[in-house]
């Protein structure tokens, strides 16, 4: 008998007769039913486990509250960063360092590189003048209702933590531009991870997370001011942005802007956040970052207020928060000179004495840099500002200059009067919401650029202008604005002579845009179907109403 060919059946093997196989369709249905039953059982098991885990977590939370009390649980939660109700050695480390006064060796990425004795180093000095308490709003009533403990971290911060520090030139590699970067084209050193849609980071924190990658050099620099810098702020825009302002054959000049803040309190006190408006500055470095010619970082101090402060009065994220703003005269880091080699080698690689026979150190002579492309500081600052704040695609002129321009162009003035700066991190929350939503929306940007001259001002600056007897016209402009102002932010539409033809308070604006259309009683701010976002629609309505009232009053 021949062997069966592929695709053919061979003869049946001897033995007991086999049962006929189940029909394919019935077998498939049986398998599907079995699979469905197993999946349902697994899902039920997962739900039971999840409910059990939730019940256990709630029980642990209740037991912790009963054992520690509200304030104790607040302290425990601030250390329990992963929320598992257990304090790991890593989570306990800040307390250990505080109690023992010792700090383990840093393990940052850049510091793991082996030191090169021939590399260049530079010395950076910190200059610091503490915040002036009399510039805080709460100073007007003698800080009535503000506990002494709440401000202890601020009052005790009277000097830079490290007056001087030595850095290797290679530590500044993160400031190098990406390949092919054009003059004046911004790039992110540390990208912002927050927006109005992602919300804000927790206020209930004391210790910054370990910096990673390009954050390391920023963290080390800011640590010269205070031991607890947060490289990423709680609210947008976070991070650091930079642009090239000069290019030569071998060097770059890089201008940068950094948004960072500091935590001035430690347990058992409640958190106190100190948020400078911004850090800005420049660095001149070789294209391979082996030599630093110059470095400077500082908080701008040209405005009357430049720091936002927020502190909690309770043991939870929902506790009452106090907010104030003030002025810090100086917060600055600057290189004492260009980077120089740690040791000097001759052609054979032997170390040369770095001091003259008289004992004086050798003086280095640096070649003059011949720049091939350059951009002005003002233009670079504007581009960085737009990168951080898209609403600045509209030019916001200084207060009196805006009214001069409005007269020259016969336009209305779109003016925003507020407590803190609109274009830096000292801004109050209502201003933040405005600039992150309606003021950066395309329809609003287009209308403002076409039909208005825009400006924003600090209340404090207009109060000073109103009290200045030297210029009556400016005094009048300030007075007309302050008459219409209500805390915290007032948006106004004005004639070139300062007359306010229309205005709305930010709190009222935010209230009505959070309501349903049928709940808005006044038809003055009715919602339009043109825009999906009610905030944009309402602000557009506000601007158009200002145009309707103001345009007939403009001088022909």
Protein backbone atom coordinates (compact mmCIF):
# COMPACT_ATOMS: atom_id res chain seq x y z
CA UNK A 1 0.00 0.00 0.00
CA UNK A 2 1.48 3.37 -0.95
CA UNK A 3 2.06 6.29 1.47
CA UNK A 4 -0.66 8.97 1.51
CA UNK A 5 0.22 12.05 -0.45
CA UNK A 6 -0.05 15.54 1.04
CA UNK A 7 -3.67 16.62 1.15
CA UNK A 8 -4.95 12.99 1.18
CA UNK A 9 -6.11 10.89 4.12
CA UNK A 10 -4.20 7.68 4.92
CA UNK A 11 -5.95 4.46 5.99
CA UNK A 12 -7.52 4.51 9.47
CA UNK A 13 -5.29 3.18 12.22
CA UNK A 14 -6.44 0.12 14.09
CA UNK A 15 -7.92 0.56 17.54
CA UNK A 16 -11.18 1.53 19.22
CA UNK A 17 -13.49 3.65 17.16
CA UNK A 18 -12.97 7.43 17.81
CA UNK A 19 -15.91 9.75 18.63
CA UNK A 20 -16.81 11.99 15.73
CA UNK A 21 -15.49 15.57 16.23
CA UNK A 22 -17.93 18.32 17.20
CA UNK A 23 -19.19 20.43 14.33
CA UNK A 24 -16.88 23.46 13.81
CA UNK A 25 -19.58 26.11 14.41
CA UNK A 26 -20.77 24.57 17.70
CA UNK A 27 -17.16 24.27 18.91
CA UNK A 28 -16.46 27.96 18.05
CA UNK A 29 -19.59 29.04 19.93
CA UNK A 30 -18.52 27.03 22.95
CA UNK A 31 -15.04 28.58 22.95
CA UNK A 32 -16.47 32.10 22.57
CA UNK A 33 -18.89 31.50 25.47
CA UNK A 34 -16.04 30.18 27.62
CA UNK A 35 -13.87 33.20 26.74
CA UNK A 36 -16.69 35.61 27.59
CA UNK A 37 -17.25 33.90 30.94
CA UNK A 38 -13.53 34.07 31.76
CA UNK A 39 -13.34 37.78 30.75
CA UNK A 40 -16.39 38.61 32.87
CA UNK A 41 -14.92 36.75 35.82
CA UNK A 42 -11.58 38.57 35.39
CA UNK A 43 -13.30 41.97 35.15
CA UNK A 44 -15.33 41.22 38.27
CA UNK A 45 -12.14 40.20 40.07
CA UNK A 46 -10.44 43.44 39.00
CA UNK A 47 -13.41 45.47 40.25
CA UNK A 48 -13.37 43.65 43.56
CA UNK A 49 -9.61 44.21 43.90
CA UNK A 50 -9.98 47.90 43.00
CA UNK A 51 -12.78 48.37 45.54
CA UNK A 52 -10.72 46.52 48.11
CA UNK A 53 -7.67 48.71 47.36
CA UNK A 54 -9.79 51.86 47.59
CA UNK A 55 -11.26 50.72 50.89
CA UNK A 56 -7.79 49.95 52.24
CA UNK A 57 -6.48 53.35 51.11
CA UNK A 58 -9.45 55.12 52.74
CA UNK A 59 -8.92 53.13 55.93
CA UNK A 60 -5.21 54.01 56.00
CA UNK A 61 -6.06 57.67 55.39
CA UNK A 62 -8.61 57.64 58.22
CA UNK A 63 -6.18 55.90 60.57
CA UNK A 64 -3.42 58.38 59.69
CA UNK A 65 -5.75 61.32 60.34
CA UNK A 66 -6.80 59.82 63.68
CA UNK A 67 -3.18 59.11 64.66
CA UNK A 68 -1.47 62.28 63.41
CA UNK A 69 -4.20 64.90 63.39
CA UNK A 70 -4.80 67.32 60.52
CA UNK A 71 -1.47 69.16 60.77
CA UNK A 72 0.49 65.93 61.23
CA UNK A 73 -1.18 64.35 58.21
CA UNK A 74 -0.36 67.48 56.20
CA UNK A 75 3.34 67.08 57.05
CA UNK A 76 3.22 63.33 56.35
CA UNK A 77 1.52 63.87 52.96
CA UNK A 78 4.08 66.52 51.94
CA UNK A 79 6.81 63.87 52.34
CA UNK A 80 4.80 60.94 50.92
CA UNK A 81 5.34 61.99 47.30
CA UNK A 82 3.95 58.77 45.74
CA UNK A 83 0.87 58.75 47.99
CA UNK A 84 1.28 55.14 49.16
CA UNK A 85 0.98 56.13 52.87
CA UNK A 86 4.53 54.93 53.54
CA UNK A 87 7.66 57.08 53.88
CA UNK A 88 10.56 55.54 51.96
CA UNK A 89 14.20 56.41 52.74
CA UNK A 90 14.27 58.59 49.62
CA UNK A 91 11.15 60.46 50.77
CA UNK A 92 12.56 60.85 54.29
CA UNK A 93 15.89 62.20 53.02
CA UNK A 94 14.94 65.95 53.24
CA UNK A 95 14.09 65.54 56.94
CA UNK A 96 17.31 63.60 57.59
CA UNK A 97 19.35 66.32 55.90
CA UNK A 98 17.55 68.99 57.90
CA UNK A 99 18.08 67.23 61.25
CA UNK A 100 21.68 66.09 60.70
CA UNK A 101 22.85 69.12 58.75
CA UNK A 102 24.57 66.86 56.20
CA UNK A 103 23.81 66.51 52.52
CA UNK A 104 24.73 63.36 50.56
CA UNK A 105 26.92 63.81 47.51
CA UNK A 106 24.89 65.00 44.55
CA UNK A 107 24.07 62.49 41.83
CA UNK A 108 23.09 64.85 39.05
CA UNK A 109 23.86 63.76 35.51
CA UNK A 110 26.48 66.40 34.71
CA UNK A 111 28.28 65.84 37.99
CA UNK A 112 28.77 62.17 37.22
CA UNK A 113 31.21 63.12 34.45
CA UNK A 114 34.80 62.63 35.61
CA UNK A 115 36.54 65.96 36.26
CA UNK A 116 39.17 66.95 33.72
CA UNK A 117 42.06 68.83 35.38
CA UNK A 118 42.78 70.68 32.16
CA UNK A 119 39.21 71.94 31.62
CA UNK A 120 38.31 75.57 32.10
CA UNK A 121 36.40 76.85 35.11
CA UNK A 122 34.82 80.17 36.00
CA UNK A 123 33.74 81.80 39.24
CA UNK A 124 30.20 83.14 39.56
CA UNK A 125 29.22 85.58 42.28
CA UNK A 126 25.73 86.12 43.70
CA UNK A 127 24.45 89.59 44.53
CA UNK A 128 21.29 89.68 46.61
CA UNK A 129 19.26 92.37 48.32
CA UNK A 130 16.19 91.01 50.14
CA UNK A 131 12.62 91.90 49.27
CA UNK A 132 11.47 95.24 50.68
CA UNK A 133 8.58 94.46 53.09
CA UNK A 134 7.14 97.95 52.70
CA UNK A 135 6.40 97.23 49.01
CA UNK A 136 3.97 94.44 49.92
CA UNK A 137 0.31 95.40 49.82
CA UNK A 138 -0.28 93.97 53.28
CA UNK A 139 2.30 96.36 54.72
CA UNK A 140 -0.24 99.19 54.37
CA UNK A 141 -2.23 97.87 57.34
CA UNK A 142 0.81 96.65 59.26
CA UNK A 143 0.37 93.06 58.07
CA UNK A 144 -2.87 92.85 60.03
CA UNK A 145 -4.07 89.25 60.19
CA UNK A 146 -0.81 87.83 58.83
CA UNK A 147 0.87 85.55 61.35
CA UNK A 148 4.53 86.15 62.13
CA UNK A 149 5.29 82.49 61.38
CA UNK A 150 3.85 82.75 57.85
CA UNK A 151 6.48 85.31 56.83
CA UNK A 152 9.40 83.87 58.80
CA UNK A 153 11.02 82.27 55.76
CA UNK A 154 10.82 85.56 53.89
CA UNK A 155 12.13 87.65 56.78
CA UNK A 156 15.03 85.27 57.41
CA UNK A 157 16.18 85.30 53.78
CA UNK A 158 18.57 88.20 53.95
CA UNK A 159 21.57 86.96 51.95
CA UNK A 160 22.45 84.61 49.10
CA UNK A 161 22.93 81.00 50.18
CA UNK A 162 26.26 80.82 48.29
CA UNK A 163 27.97 84.17 47.64
CA UNK A 164 30.40 82.52 45.21
CA UNK A 165 30.70 79.21 43.34
CA UNK A 166 33.03 77.65 40.76
CA UNK A 167 31.60 75.97 37.66
CA UNK A 168 33.22 74.03 34.85
CA UNK A 169 32.68 75.51 31.40
CA UNK A 170 31.16 72.21 30.23
CA UNK A 171 28.34 72.60 32.77
CA UNK A 172 26.91 75.29 30.47
CA UNK A 173 26.47 73.00 27.45
CA UNK A 174 22.64 73.14 27.85
CA UNK A 175 22.81 76.79 26.71
CA UNK A 176 24.19 75.76 23.30
CA UNK A 177 21.64 76.12 20.48
CA UNK A 178 20.31 73.11 18.55
CA UNK A 179 22.08 72.46 15.22
CA UNK A 180 21.07 74.89 12.48
CA UNK A 181 19.44 77.39 14.86
CA UNK A 182 18.96 80.81 13.24
CA UNK A 183 19.71 84.19 14.82
CA UNK A 184 16.75 85.34 16.94
CA UNK A 185 14.80 82.09 16.57
CA UNK A 186 13.73 80.95 20.09
CA UNK A 187 14.20 77.40 21.34
CA UNK A 188 13.30 75.72 24.63
CA UNK A 189 16.10 74.73 27.00
CA UNK A 190 13.47 73.38 29.42
CA UNK A 191 10.03 73.07 27.76
CA UNK A 192 6.88 74.17 29.55
CA UNK A 193 4.67 71.20 30.42
CA UNK A 194 1.64 73.12 31.69
CA UNK A 195 -1.18 75.08 30.09
CA UNK A 196 -4.57 76.41 31.09
CA UNK A 197 -5.94 72.97 30.17
CA UNK A 198 -3.52 70.92 32.28
CA UNK A 199 -4.03 73.03 35.41
CA UNK A 200 -1.43 73.88 38.03
CA UNK A 201 0.99 71.85 40.11
CA UNK A 202 0.40 71.31 43.83
CA UNK A 203 1.01 74.13 46.31
CA UNK A 204 1.48 71.59 49.08
CA UNK A 205 5.20 70.90 48.54
CA UNK A 206 8.40 71.80 50.35
CA UNK A 207 11.25 70.13 48.48
CA UNK A 208 11.98 70.33 44.75
CA UNK A 209 12.25 67.13 42.71
CA UNK A 210 15.80 66.11 41.70
CA UNK A 211 16.74 68.03 38.53
CA UNK A 212 17.41 66.03 35.38
CA UNK A 213 19.35 66.72 32.20
CA UNK A 214 19.37 70.38 31.25
CA UNK A 215 17.59 71.30 34.50
CA UNK A 216 20.76 70.55 36.47
CA UNK A 217 22.74 73.71 35.59
CA UNK A 218 19.66 75.91 36.15
CA UNK A 219 19.09 74.28 39.54
CA UNK A 220 22.73 74.69 40.57
CA UNK A 221 22.75 78.36 39.59
CA UNK A 222 19.49 79.19 41.38
CA UNK A 223 20.65 77.27 44.46
CA UNK A 224 23.20 80.03 44.97
CA UNK A 225 20.27 82.25 46.01
CA UNK A 226 18.31 79.75 48.12
CA UNK A 227 18.59 75.99 48.81
CA UNK A 228 15.09 75.14 47.53
CA UNK A 229 14.63 76.36 43.96
CA UNK A 230 11.91 74.80 41.80
CA UNK A 231 13.14 74.83 38.20
CA UNK A 232 9.57 74.22 37.02
CA UNK A 233 6.95 76.62 38.37
CA UNK A 234 3.52 75.57 39.62
CA UNK A 235 1.75 77.43 36.82
CA UNK A 236 2.37 78.07 33.12
CA UNK A 237 4.46 79.05 31.33
CA UNK A 238 7.22 76.98 32.90
CA UNK A 239 10.76 76.34 31.85
CA UNK A 240 13.52 78.21 30.07
CA UNK A 241 13.63 79.63 26.56
CA UNK A 242 16.62 81.08 24.68
CA UNK A 243 17.67 82.65 21.40
CA UNK A 244 20.90 83.56 19.63
CA UNK A 245 21.69 87.28 19.67
CA UNK A 246 25.18 87.10 18.12
CA UNK A 247 27.18 84.59 16.06
CA UNK A 248 30.89 84.51 15.18
CA UNK A 249 33.15 81.83 13.74
CA UNK A 250 33.82 80.32 17.16
CA UNK A 251 31.35 81.90 19.63
CA UNK A 252 27.66 82.39 20.37
CA UNK A 253 25.87 84.98 22.47
CA UNK A 254 22.73 83.42 23.89
CA UNK A 255 19.99 85.39 25.65
CA UNK A 256 17.67 83.41 27.91
CA UNK A 257 14.56 83.73 30.03
CA UNK A 258 13.84 81.38 32.94
CA UNK A 259 10.66 80.94 34.98
CA UNK A 260 11.46 79.42 38.37
CA UNK A 261 10.38 79.87 41.98
CA UNK A 262 11.51 79.12 45.53
CA UNK A 263 9.95 77.43 48.55
CA UNK A 264 10.94 79.46 51.62
CA UNK A 265 9.33 77.27 54.31
CA UNK A 266 10.06 73.85 55.75
CA UNK A 267 7.94 71.59 57.97
CA UNK A 268 6.25 72.12 60.35
CA UNK A 269 5.48 75.55 58.81
CA UNK A 270 3.09 75.80 55.88
CA UNK A 271 4.43 76.34 52.32
CA UNK A 272 5.48 79.86 51.27
CA UNK A 273 6.11 80.34 47.54
CA UNK A 274 8.39 83.12 46.26
CA UNK A 275 8.00 83.63 42.50
CA UNK A 276 10.17 86.28 40.78
CA UNK A 277 8.61 87.73 37.65
CA UNK A 278 11.38 86.16 35.57
CA UNK A 279 15.09 85.51 35.40
CA UNK A 280 16.78 86.79 32.28
CA UNK A 281 20.37 87.18 31.16
CA UNK A 282 22.98 86.15 28.61
CA UNK A 283 25.97 83.89 28.12
CA UNK A 284 28.84 84.20 25.64
CA UNK A 285 30.36 80.76 25.07
CA UNK A 286 32.45 78.91 22.51
CA UNK A 287 30.61 76.67 20.09
CA UNK A 288 31.92 73.57 21.86
CA UNK A 289 31.22 75.00 25.37
CA UNK A 290 34.86 74.60 26.44
CA UNK A 291 35.20 78.33 27.10
CA UNK A 292 32.83 80.86 28.68
CA UNK A 293 33.58 84.50 27.93
CA UNK A 294 30.76 86.06 29.98
CA UNK A 295 27.67 85.10 31.99
CA UNK A 296 24.95 87.08 33.78
CA UNK A 297 21.54 86.13 35.19
CA UNK A 298 19.18 88.50 37.04
CA UNK A 299 15.62 89.40 38.02
CA UNK A 300 14.62 92.61 36.18
CA UNK A 301 14.03 95.45 38.66
CA UNK A 302 12.82 98.25 36.38
CA UNK A 303 9.19 97.87 37.50
CA UNK A 304 7.87 98.85 40.92
CA UNK A 305 6.78 95.25 41.69
CA UNK A 306 8.55 92.11 40.49
CA UNK A 307 7.79 89.18 42.86
CA UNK A 308 4.61 87.21 43.56
CA UNK A 309 4.24 85.54 46.97
CA UNK A 310 1.68 82.90 47.95
CA UNK A 311 1.40 81.04 51.24
CA UNK A 312 -0.98 78.48 52.70
CA UNK A 313 -2.90 78.84 55.95
CA UNK A 314 -3.82 75.23 56.48
CA UNK A 315 -2.92 71.60 56.21
CA UNK A 316 -4.37 70.67 52.83
CA UNK A 317 -4.36 71.67 49.17
CA UNK A 318 -7.76 73.33 49.63
CA UNK A 319 -6.63 75.46 52.58
CA UNK A 320 -6.89 79.23 52.44
CA UNK A 321 -4.10 80.87 50.51
CA UNK A 322 -2.80 84.40 50.98
CA UNK A 323 -1.39 86.26 47.99
CA UNK A 324 0.78 89.36 47.86
CA UNK A 325 3.27 91.06 45.59
CA UNK A 326 6.43 93.00 46.32
CA UNK A 327 9.73 94.34 45.05
CA UNK A 328 13.20 92.81 45.30
CA UNK A 329 15.96 95.32 44.41
CA UNK A 330 18.65 92.82 43.39
CA UNK A 331 18.82 89.11 42.61
CA UNK A 332 21.74 88.57 40.28
CA UNK A 333 24.50 86.12 39.30
CA UNK A 334 27.53 87.25 37.31
CA UNK A 335 30.84 85.70 36.24
CA UNK A 336 33.88 87.42 37.70
CA UNK A 337 35.67 86.94 34.37
CA UNK A 338 36.11 84.49 31.49
CA UNK A 339 36.71 80.82 32.21
CA UNK A 340 40.37 79.82 32.50
CA UNK A 341 42.20 76.47 32.61
CA UNK A 342 42.49 74.85 36.02
CA UNK A 343 46.07 73.91 35.14
CA UNK A 344 48.35 75.05 32.32
CA UNK A 345 50.16 72.47 30.21
CA UNK A 346 53.11 72.95 27.87
CA UNK A 347 53.50 71.29 24.48
CA UNK A 348 54.75 68.11 26.11
CA UNK A 349 51.79 67.92 28.48
CA UNK A 350 53.77 68.98 31.54
CA UNK A 351 52.16 71.28 34.09
CA UNK A 352 53.41 74.88 34.01
CA UNK A 353 53.51 76.99 37.13
CA UNK A 354 50.40 79.19 36.97
CA UNK A 355 52.04 81.94 39.05
CA UNK A 356 54.77 84.41 38.21
CA UNK A 357 57.99 84.47 40.30
CA UNK A 358 56.42 87.39 42.19
CA UNK A 359 53.59 85.09 43.28
CA UNK A 360 50.95 86.82 41.17
CA UNK A 361 48.80 84.58 38.97
CA UNK A 362 49.40 84.52 35.24
CA UNK A 363 47.19 86.92 33.31
CA UNK A 364 45.35 85.48 30.31
CA UNK A 365 44.87 87.51 27.15
CA UNK A 366 41.67 86.77 25.24
CA UNK A 367 41.19 87.45 21.55
CA UNK A 368 38.58 89.98 20.48
CA UNK A 369 35.43 88.33 19.17
CA UNK A 370 34.36 89.55 15.74
CA UNK A 371 30.62 89.04 15.44
CA UNK A 372 29.22 88.26 12.00
CA UNK A 373 25.52 88.46 12.94
CA UNK A 374 23.92 90.40 15.79
CA UNK A 375 20.43 91.09 17.18
CA UNK A 376 19.51 93.83 19.64
CA UNK A 377 18.74 92.98 23.25
CA UNK A 378 15.28 94.60 22.95
CA UNK A 379 14.29 92.52 19.92
CA UNK A 380 15.62 89.31 21.47
CA UNK A 381 13.68 90.01 24.69
CA UNK A 382 10.51 90.57 22.66
CA UNK A 383 10.90 87.26 20.85
CA UNK A 384 11.47 85.34 24.08
CA UNK A 385 8.43 87.06 25.55
CA UNK A 386 6.24 85.98 22.63
CA UNK A 387 7.56 82.41 22.97
CA UNK A 388 6.50 82.40 26.63
CA UNK A 389 3.31 84.43 26.14
CA UNK A 390 1.61 84.18 22.72
CA UNK A 391 -0.72 87.07 23.67
CA UNK A 392 2.30 89.37 23.20
CA UNK A 393 1.90 88.96 19.44
CA UNK A 394 -0.01 92.17 20.06
CA UNK A 395 2.27 95.07 21.03
CA UNK A 396 1.42 96.33 24.52
CA UNK A 397 2.94 99.81 24.78
CA UNK A 398 3.85 101.68 27.98
CA UNK A 399 0.83 103.53 29.41
CA UNK A 400 1.47 107.12 28.33
CA UNK A 401 3.07 106.05 25.04
CA UNK A 402 -0.07 104.10 24.16
CA UNK A 403 -2.25 107.20 24.44
CA UNK A 404 0.22 109.24 22.37
CA UNK A 405 0.10 106.56 19.68
CA UNK A 406 -3.70 106.44 19.84
CA UNK A 407 -3.85 110.19 19.21
CA UNK A 408 -1.47 109.92 16.28
CA UNK A 409 -3.38 107.00 14.69
CA UNK A 410 -6.87 108.10 15.85
CA UNK A 411 -7.62 104.75 17.49
CA UNK A 412 -9.17 103.55 20.71
CA UNK A 413 -7.00 102.22 23.53
CA UNK A 414 -7.43 98.69 24.87
CA UNK A 415 -6.07 98.95 28.42
CA UNK A 416 -5.65 96.36 31.18
CA UNK A 417 -5.05 97.59 34.73
CA UNK A 418 -3.98 95.00 37.26
CA UNK A 419 -2.16 94.23 40.49
CA UNK A 420 0.78 92.22 39.09
CA UNK A 421 2.59 92.27 35.75
CA UNK A 422 0.63 90.73 32.87
CA UNK A 423 3.73 89.44 31.07
CA UNK A 424 5.70 87.76 33.84
CA UNK A 425 5.21 85.31 36.71
CA UNK A 426 4.37 87.98 39.30
CA UNK A 427 0.88 88.18 37.79
CA UNK A 428 -2.18 87.32 39.91
CA UNK A 429 -4.36 84.35 38.96
CA UNK A 430 -7.05 86.37 37.12
CA UNK A 431 -4.41 87.92 34.89
CA UNK A 432 -2.88 84.49 34.26
CA UNK A 433 -6.24 83.14 33.14
CA UNK A 434 -6.81 86.05 30.77
CA UNK A 435 -3.41 85.85 29.09
CA UNK A 436 -3.62 82.04 28.71
CA UNK A 437 -7.10 82.08 27.15
CA UNK A 438 -8.83 85.00 25.47
CA UNK A 439 -5.86 87.33 25.00
CA UNK A 440 -3.95 84.74 22.97
CA UNK A 441 -6.88 83.51 20.85
CA UNK A 442 -6.58 84.24 17.12
CA UNK A 443 -9.80 86.27 16.70
CA UNK A 444 -8.90 88.53 19.63
CA UNK A 445 -5.29 88.98 18.45
CA UNK A 446 -6.57 89.96 14.99
CA UNK A 447 -9.11 92.51 16.25
CA UNK A 448 -6.68 94.07 18.73
CA UNK A 449 -3.98 94.45 16.07
CA UNK A 450 -6.41 95.97 13.56
CA UNK A 451 -8.53 98.29 15.67
CA UNK A 452 -6.81 99.16 18.97
CA UNK A 453 -3.65 100.40 20.62
CA UNK A 454 -3.03 98.11 23.59
CA UNK A 455 -1.39 98.70 26.96
CA UNK A 456 -1.29 97.18 30.42
CA UNK A 457 -0.31 98.87 33.67
CA UNK A 458 0.30 98.16 37.33
CA UNK A 459 -2.08 99.83 39.78
CA UNK A 460 0.90 100.94 41.86
CA UNK A 461 2.52 102.68 38.87
CA UNK A 462 -0.65 104.57 37.97
CA UNK A 463 -1.04 105.64 41.61
CA UNK A 464 2.47 107.07 41.45
CA UNK A 465 1.67 108.76 38.13
CA UNK A 466 -1.51 110.26 39.61
CA UNK A 467 0.47 111.72 42.50
CA UNK A 468 3.10 113.22 40.21
CA UNK A 469 2.41 116.95 39.89
CA UNK A 470 4.97 117.53 37.13
CA UNK A 471 2.80 116.30 34.23
CA UNK A 472 -0.91 117.19 34.60
CA UNK A 473 -1.94 115.36 31.39
CA UNK A 474 -0.42 112.09 32.58
CA UNK A 475 -1.90 112.71 36.01
CA UNK A 476 -5.35 113.01 34.42
CA UNK A 477 -4.92 109.82 32.35
CA UNK A 478 -3.98 107.84 35.46
CA UNK A 479 -6.87 109.29 37.45
CA UNK A 480 -9.45 108.36 34.81
CA UNK A 481 -8.19 104.78 34.87
CA UNK A 482 -8.08 104.43 38.64
CA UNK A 483 -11.66 105.72 38.93
CA UNK A 484 -12.86 102.64 37.02
CA UNK A 485 -10.54 100.10 38.62
CA UNK A 486 -11.76 97.24 40.83
CA UNK A 487 -9.54 94.51 42.22
CA UNK A 488 -7.87 92.45 40.79
CA UNK A 489 -7.99 93.23 37.02
CA UNK A 490 -9.99 95.77 35.02
CA UNK A 491 -10.18 95.76 31.21
CA UNK A 492 -11.05 99.11 29.62
CA UNK A 493 -11.70 100.70 26.24
CA UNK A 494 -10.64 104.36 26.19
CA UNK A 495 -10.55 107.39 23.93
CA UNK A 496 -7.11 108.89 23.18
CA UNK A 497 -7.83 111.56 25.83
CA UNK A 498 -8.22 108.86 28.50
CA UNK A 499 -12.03 108.84 28.76
CA UNK A 500 -13.19 105.29 29.53
CA UNK A 501 -16.09 104.38 27.24
CA UNK A 502 -16.44 100.74 28.32
CA UNK A 503 -14.94 98.47 30.98
CA UNK A 504 -15.38 95.07 32.65
CA UNK A 505 -13.83 93.49 35.73
CA UNK A 506 -11.92 90.23 35.26
CA UNK A 507 -13.76 88.44 38.07
CA UNK A 508 -17.14 89.34 36.59
CA UNK A 509 -15.90 88.36 33.13
CA UNK A 510 -14.68 84.96 34.36
CA UNK A 511 -17.93 84.41 36.28
CA UNK A 512 -20.22 85.01 33.31
CA UNK A 513 -18.07 82.97 30.92
CA UNK A 514 -18.29 79.99 33.28
CA UNK A 515 -22.10 80.18 33.27
CA UNK A 516 -24.47 78.54 30.83
CA UNK A 517 -25.77 80.90 28.11
CA UNK A 518 -29.32 80.77 29.47
CA UNK A 519 -28.07 81.83 32.91
CA UNK A 520 -26.62 85.14 31.69
CA UNK A 521 -29.21 87.81 32.42
CA UNK A 522 -27.64 90.74 30.57
CA UNK A 523 -27.73 90.64 26.80
CA UNK A 524 -24.70 92.92 26.82
CA UNK A 525 -22.44 89.87 27.03
CA UNK A 526 -24.54 87.34 25.14
CA UNK A 527 -22.76 84.35 23.67
CA UNK A 528 -22.12 84.22 19.96
CA UNK A 529 -22.31 81.07 17.88
CA UNK A 530 -19.29 82.24 15.89
CA UNK A 531 -16.83 80.94 18.50
CA UNK A 532 -16.99 77.70 20.38
CA UNK A 533 -15.15 79.17 23.38
CA UNK A 534 -17.54 81.35 25.44
CA UNK A 535 -14.59 83.32 26.88
CA UNK A 536 -13.40 84.33 23.41
CA UNK A 537 -16.95 85.12 22.31
CA UNK A 538 -17.59 87.28 25.37
CA UNK A 539 -14.29 89.19 25.09
CA UNK A 540 -14.98 89.76 21.40
CA UNK A 541 -18.39 91.15 22.39
CA UNK A 542 -16.69 93.42 24.94
CA UNK A 543 -14.26 94.79 22.34
CA UNK A 544 -16.97 95.32 19.72
CA UNK A 545 -19.17 97.11 22.25
CA UNK A 546 -16.21 99.36 23.02
CA UNK A 547 -15.82 100.10 19.31
CA UNK A 548 -19.55 100.84 18.98
CA UNK A 549 -19.41 103.33 21.84
CA UNK A 550 -16.01 104.84 21.11
CA UNK A 551 -15.62 105.17 17.35
CA UNK A 552 -18.30 107.91 16.97
CA UNK A 553 -16.44 109.95 19.62
CA UNK A 554 -13.05 109.89 17.91
CA UNK A 555 -11.92 113.19 16.43
CA UNK A 556 -12.30 113.18 12.62
